[in-house]
């Protein structure tokens, strides 16, 4: 049984790494926040996103997601409200305003988003992503052995999923931080805000219409 578990893990880990590293809503959000607020503050968004991923993965494993996917209206409130909010944030960032934008000068103070606001953005983006639910419904159950207790298996698999997701979020956020330096050299803070704002609007549209 141990060899079978290692065999499953040898497929499970690369499969979910590819799913996580593929550009999507959460990774684009991490990239955008890496550009504007930096990797350290973006950790709060990542924390909320990881909680959301854990909820979705658990629901998929126990069959709740199958029911949810049959009734798309269950996503409507999260999708449209969450998407509209992210679009609004993106527009504010484009205009170098709001809690997510960088100040264009030392005299121009910008109120930063709170930790809870950042965490909620990550959580809503993860929960309201229909593609995330579909991925977990399709990919997670095959790796669960029906002959063994579900609780320990599910816990172990979710821990692996969250570790892979966090690694990918870090890669995108650090990439955003590197892009921030290039953008500031090329066109200043306004360019940074506009690129990050455009990415945020993209995530909002993607979330609402996906």
Protein backbone atom coordinates (compact mmCIF):
# COMPACT_ATOMS: atom_id res chain seq x y z
CA UNK A 1 0.00 0.00 0.00
CA UNK A 2 2.91 2.32 0.75
CA UNK A 3 4.33 1.80 -2.77
CA UNK A 4 0.90 2.54 -4.22
CA UNK A 5 0.71 5.80 -2.27
CA UNK A 6 4.14 6.86 -3.48
CA UNK A 7 3.11 5.94 -7.00
CA UNK A 8 0.02 8.13 -6.73
CA UNK A 9 2.00 11.00 -5.25
CA UNK A 10 4.52 10.80 -8.10
CA UNK A 11 1.63 11.67 -10.42
CA UNK A 12 -0.35 13.88 -8.05
CA UNK A 13 2.41 16.37 -7.27
CA UNK A 14 3.44 17.27 -10.86
CA UNK A 15 -0.22 17.28 -11.96
CA UNK A 16 -1.28 19.85 -9.38
CA UNK A 17 1.92 21.84 -9.80
CA UNK A 18 1.08 22.31 -13.47
CA UNK A 19 -2.50 23.28 -12.54
CA UNK A 20 -1.22 25.81 -9.99
CA UNK A 21 1.57 27.36 -12.05
CA UNK A 22 -0.68 27.90 -15.08
CA UNK A 23 -1.62 31.60 -15.29
CA UNK A 24 -5.05 32.12 -13.78
CA UNK A 25 -7.02 34.52 -11.63
CA UNK A 26 -5.14 33.98 -8.39
CA UNK A 27 -1.70 33.98 -10.01
CA UNK A 28 -2.50 37.16 -11.94
CA UNK A 29 -3.70 38.73 -8.69
CA UNK A 30 -0.43 37.74 -7.00
CA UNK A 31 1.53 39.24 -9.90
CA UNK A 32 -0.44 42.48 -9.68
CA UNK A 33 0.06 42.77 -5.91
CA UNK A 34 3.73 41.93 -6.23
CA UNK A 35 4.02 44.95 -8.51
CA UNK A 36 2.20 47.43 -6.28
CA UNK A 37 2.29 46.41 -2.61
CA UNK A 38 5.22 44.00 -2.60
CA UNK A 39 5.59 40.34 -1.70
CA UNK A 40 5.42 40.76 2.07
CA UNK A 41 2.02 42.49 2.16
CA UNK A 42 0.73 40.22 -0.61
CA UNK A 43 1.14 37.35 1.85
CA UNK A 44 -2.20 38.35 3.38
CA UNK A 45 -3.91 37.91 0.02
CA UNK A 46 -2.17 34.56 -0.33
CA UNK A 47 -3.40 33.48 3.10
CA UNK A 48 -7.01 34.20 2.12
CA UNK A 49 -6.55 32.49 -1.23
CA UNK A 50 -5.13 29.36 0.39
CA UNK A 51 -8.08 29.15 2.77
CA UNK A 52 -10.40 29.42 -0.23
CA UNK A 53 -8.50 26.70 -2.09
CA UNK A 54 -8.73 24.42 0.96
CA UNK A 55 -12.51 24.97 1.12
CA UNK A 56 -12.93 24.23 -2.60
CA UNK A 57 -10.71 21.13 -2.46
CA UNK A 58 -12.57 19.75 0.56
CA UNK A 59 -15.94 20.40 -1.04
CA UNK A 60 -14.82 18.71 -4.25
CA UNK A 61 -13.64 15.64 -2.37
CA UNK A 62 -16.90 15.20 -0.46
CA UNK A 63 -19.08 15.80 -3.49
CA UNK A 64 -20.46 19.23 -2.67
CA UNK A 65 -18.82 20.74 -5.75
CA UNK A 66 -20.71 18.37 -8.04
CA UNK A 67 -23.95 19.84 -6.73
CA UNK A 68 -22.61 23.39 -6.99
CA UNK A 69 -21.53 22.95 -10.61
CA UNK A 70 -25.01 21.75 -11.55
CA UNK A 71 -26.44 25.04 -10.31
CA UNK A 72 -24.26 27.83 -11.72
CA UNK A 73 -26.43 30.47 -10.05
CA UNK A 74 -24.78 29.47 -6.78
CA UNK A 75 -21.66 31.24 -8.09
CA UNK A 76 -23.46 34.33 -9.37
CA UNK A 77 -23.21 36.50 -6.25
CA UNK A 78 -19.55 35.70 -5.68
CA UNK A 79 -18.61 36.03 -9.33
CA UNK A 80 -20.30 39.31 -10.17
CA UNK A 81 -19.75 41.06 -6.85
CA UNK A 82 -16.16 39.87 -6.58
CA UNK A 83 -15.44 40.66 -10.22
CA UNK A 84 -16.96 44.15 -9.97
CA UNK A 85 -14.91 44.88 -6.86
CA UNK A 86 -11.65 43.82 -8.50
CA UNK A 87 -12.46 45.86 -11.62
CA UNK A 88 -13.13 48.89 -9.43
CA UNK A 89 -9.80 48.36 -7.65
CA UNK A 90 -8.05 48.07 -11.00
CA UNK A 91 -9.55 51.32 -12.27
CA UNK A 92 -8.49 53.06 -9.07
CA UNK A 93 -4.97 51.70 -9.46
CA UNK A 94 -4.88 52.86 -13.10
CA UNK A 95 -5.69 56.36 -11.84
CA UNK A 96 -3.01 56.03 -9.11
CA UNK A 97 -5.73 56.17 -6.47
CA UNK A 98 -7.18 53.80 -3.93
CA UNK A 99 -5.66 51.49 -1.35
CA UNK A 100 -3.75 49.29 -3.79
CA UNK A 101 -1.92 51.96 -5.81
CA UNK A 102 1.59 53.26 -5.26
CA UNK A 103 1.91 56.94 -4.42
CA UNK A 104 3.32 58.92 -7.37
CA UNK A 105 5.16 61.25 -5.02
CA UNK A 106 6.05 61.50 -1.36
CA UNK A 107 3.47 64.29 -0.95
CA UNK A 108 0.71 62.06 -2.34
CA UNK A 109 -0.32 59.76 0.49
CA UNK A 110 -2.15 56.55 -0.36
CA UNK A 111 -4.18 54.68 2.24
CA UNK A 112 -3.12 51.04 2.17
CA UNK A 113 -5.56 48.16 2.11
CA UNK A 114 -5.89 46.40 5.46
CA UNK A 115 -4.74 42.85 6.04
CA UNK A 116 -8.32 41.63 6.25
CA UNK A 117 -9.19 43.33 2.95
CA UNK A 118 -6.24 41.69 1.23
CA UNK A 119 -7.15 38.29 2.68
CA UNK A 120 -10.77 38.67 1.60
CA UNK A 121 -9.71 39.47 -1.97
CA UNK A 122 -7.73 36.25 -2.12
CA UNK A 123 -10.51 34.20 -0.51
CA UNK A 124 -13.28 35.49 -2.79
CA UNK A 125 -11.14 35.01 -5.90
CA UNK A 126 -10.48 31.37 -4.97
CA UNK A 127 -14.06 30.55 -3.93
CA UNK A 128 -15.73 32.26 -6.89
CA UNK A 129 -13.56 30.66 -9.55
CA UNK A 130 -15.68 28.03 -11.37
CA UNK A 131 -12.62 26.66 -13.16
CA UNK A 132 -11.02 25.95 -9.80
CA UNK A 133 -14.04 23.92 -8.72
CA UNK A 134 -14.03 22.04 -12.03
CA UNK A 135 -10.33 21.20 -11.73
CA UNK A 136 -10.73 19.80 -8.22
CA UNK A 137 -13.86 17.82 -9.12
CA UNK A 138 -12.07 16.24 -12.07
CA UNK A 139 -8.59 15.75 -10.60
CA UNK A 140 -8.85 15.23 -6.85
CA UNK A 141 -11.21 12.21 -6.44
CA UNK A 142 -9.06 9.82 -8.54
CA UNK A 143 -6.25 10.21 -6.02
CA UNK A 144 -8.41 9.19 -3.05
CA UNK A 145 -8.38 5.50 -2.14
CA UNK A 146 -11.90 4.42 -1.22
CA UNK A 147 -10.51 1.52 0.85
CA UNK A 148 -8.76 3.87 3.28
CA UNK A 149 -10.15 6.45 5.73
CA UNK A 150 -10.94 9.61 3.79
CA UNK A 151 -9.96 12.13 6.48
CA UNK A 152 -6.21 11.46 6.67
CA UNK A 153 -5.92 11.11 2.88
CA UNK A 154 -7.78 14.33 2.20
CA UNK A 155 -5.76 16.21 4.81
CA UNK A 156 -2.47 15.05 3.32
CA UNK A 157 -3.51 15.86 -0.25
CA UNK A 158 -4.79 19.33 0.69
CA UNK A 159 -1.55 20.10 2.53
CA UNK A 160 0.38 19.20 -0.63
CA UNK A 161 -1.99 21.26 -2.79
CA UNK A 162 -1.62 24.30 -0.53
CA UNK A 163 2.17 23.97 -0.50
CA UNK A 164 2.26 23.87 -4.30
CA UNK A 165 -0.20 26.76 -4.55
CA UNK A 166 1.82 28.87 -2.12
CA UNK A 167 5.02 28.17 -4.04
CA UNK A 168 3.41 29.31 -7.29
CA UNK A 169 1.89 32.41 -5.67
CA UNK A 170 5.35 33.31 -4.39
CA UNK A 171 6.88 32.88 -7.84
CA UNK A 172 4.30 35.19 -9.40
CA UNK A 173 4.53 37.78 -6.61
CA UNK A 174 8.33 37.85 -6.81
CA UNK A 175 8.02 38.14 -10.57
CA UNK A 176 5.76 41.14 -10.02
CA UNK A 177 8.33 42.70 -7.70
CA UNK A 178 11.00 42.29 -10.38
CA UNK A 179 8.67 43.75 -12.99
CA UNK A 180 8.02 46.67 -10.66
CA UNK A 181 11.71 47.60 -10.72
CA UNK A 182 11.81 47.49 -14.52
CA UNK A 183 8.64 49.54 -14.85
CA UNK A 184 9.85 52.19 -12.44
CA UNK A 185 13.05 52.55 -14.43
CA UNK A 186 11.15 52.80 -17.70
CA UNK A 187 8.14 54.98 -16.95
CA UNK A 188 7.85 55.75 -13.27
CA UNK A 189 5.22 54.97 -10.67
CA UNK A 190 2.30 55.84 -12.92
CA UNK A 191 3.34 53.09 -15.33
CA UNK A 192 3.58 50.63 -12.44
CA UNK A 193 0.06 51.52 -11.30
CA UNK A 194 -1.36 51.26 -14.81
CA UNK A 195 0.17 47.86 -15.53
CA UNK A 196 -0.95 46.48 -12.16
CA UNK A 197 -4.37 48.11 -12.55
CA UNK A 198 -4.81 46.54 -15.98
CA UNK A 199 -3.97 43.12 -14.53
CA UNK A 200 -6.47 43.67 -11.72
CA UNK A 201 -9.22 44.66 -14.20
CA UNK A 202 -8.37 41.54 -16.23
CA UNK A 203 -8.83 39.35 -13.14
CA UNK A 204 -12.15 41.07 -12.36
CA UNK A 205 -13.50 40.53 -15.89
CA UNK A 206 -12.18 36.97 -15.88
CA UNK A 207 -13.88 36.30 -12.55
CA UNK A 208 -17.23 37.82 -13.55
CA UNK A 209 -17.47 36.29 -17.01
CA UNK A 210 -15.48 33.06 -16.59
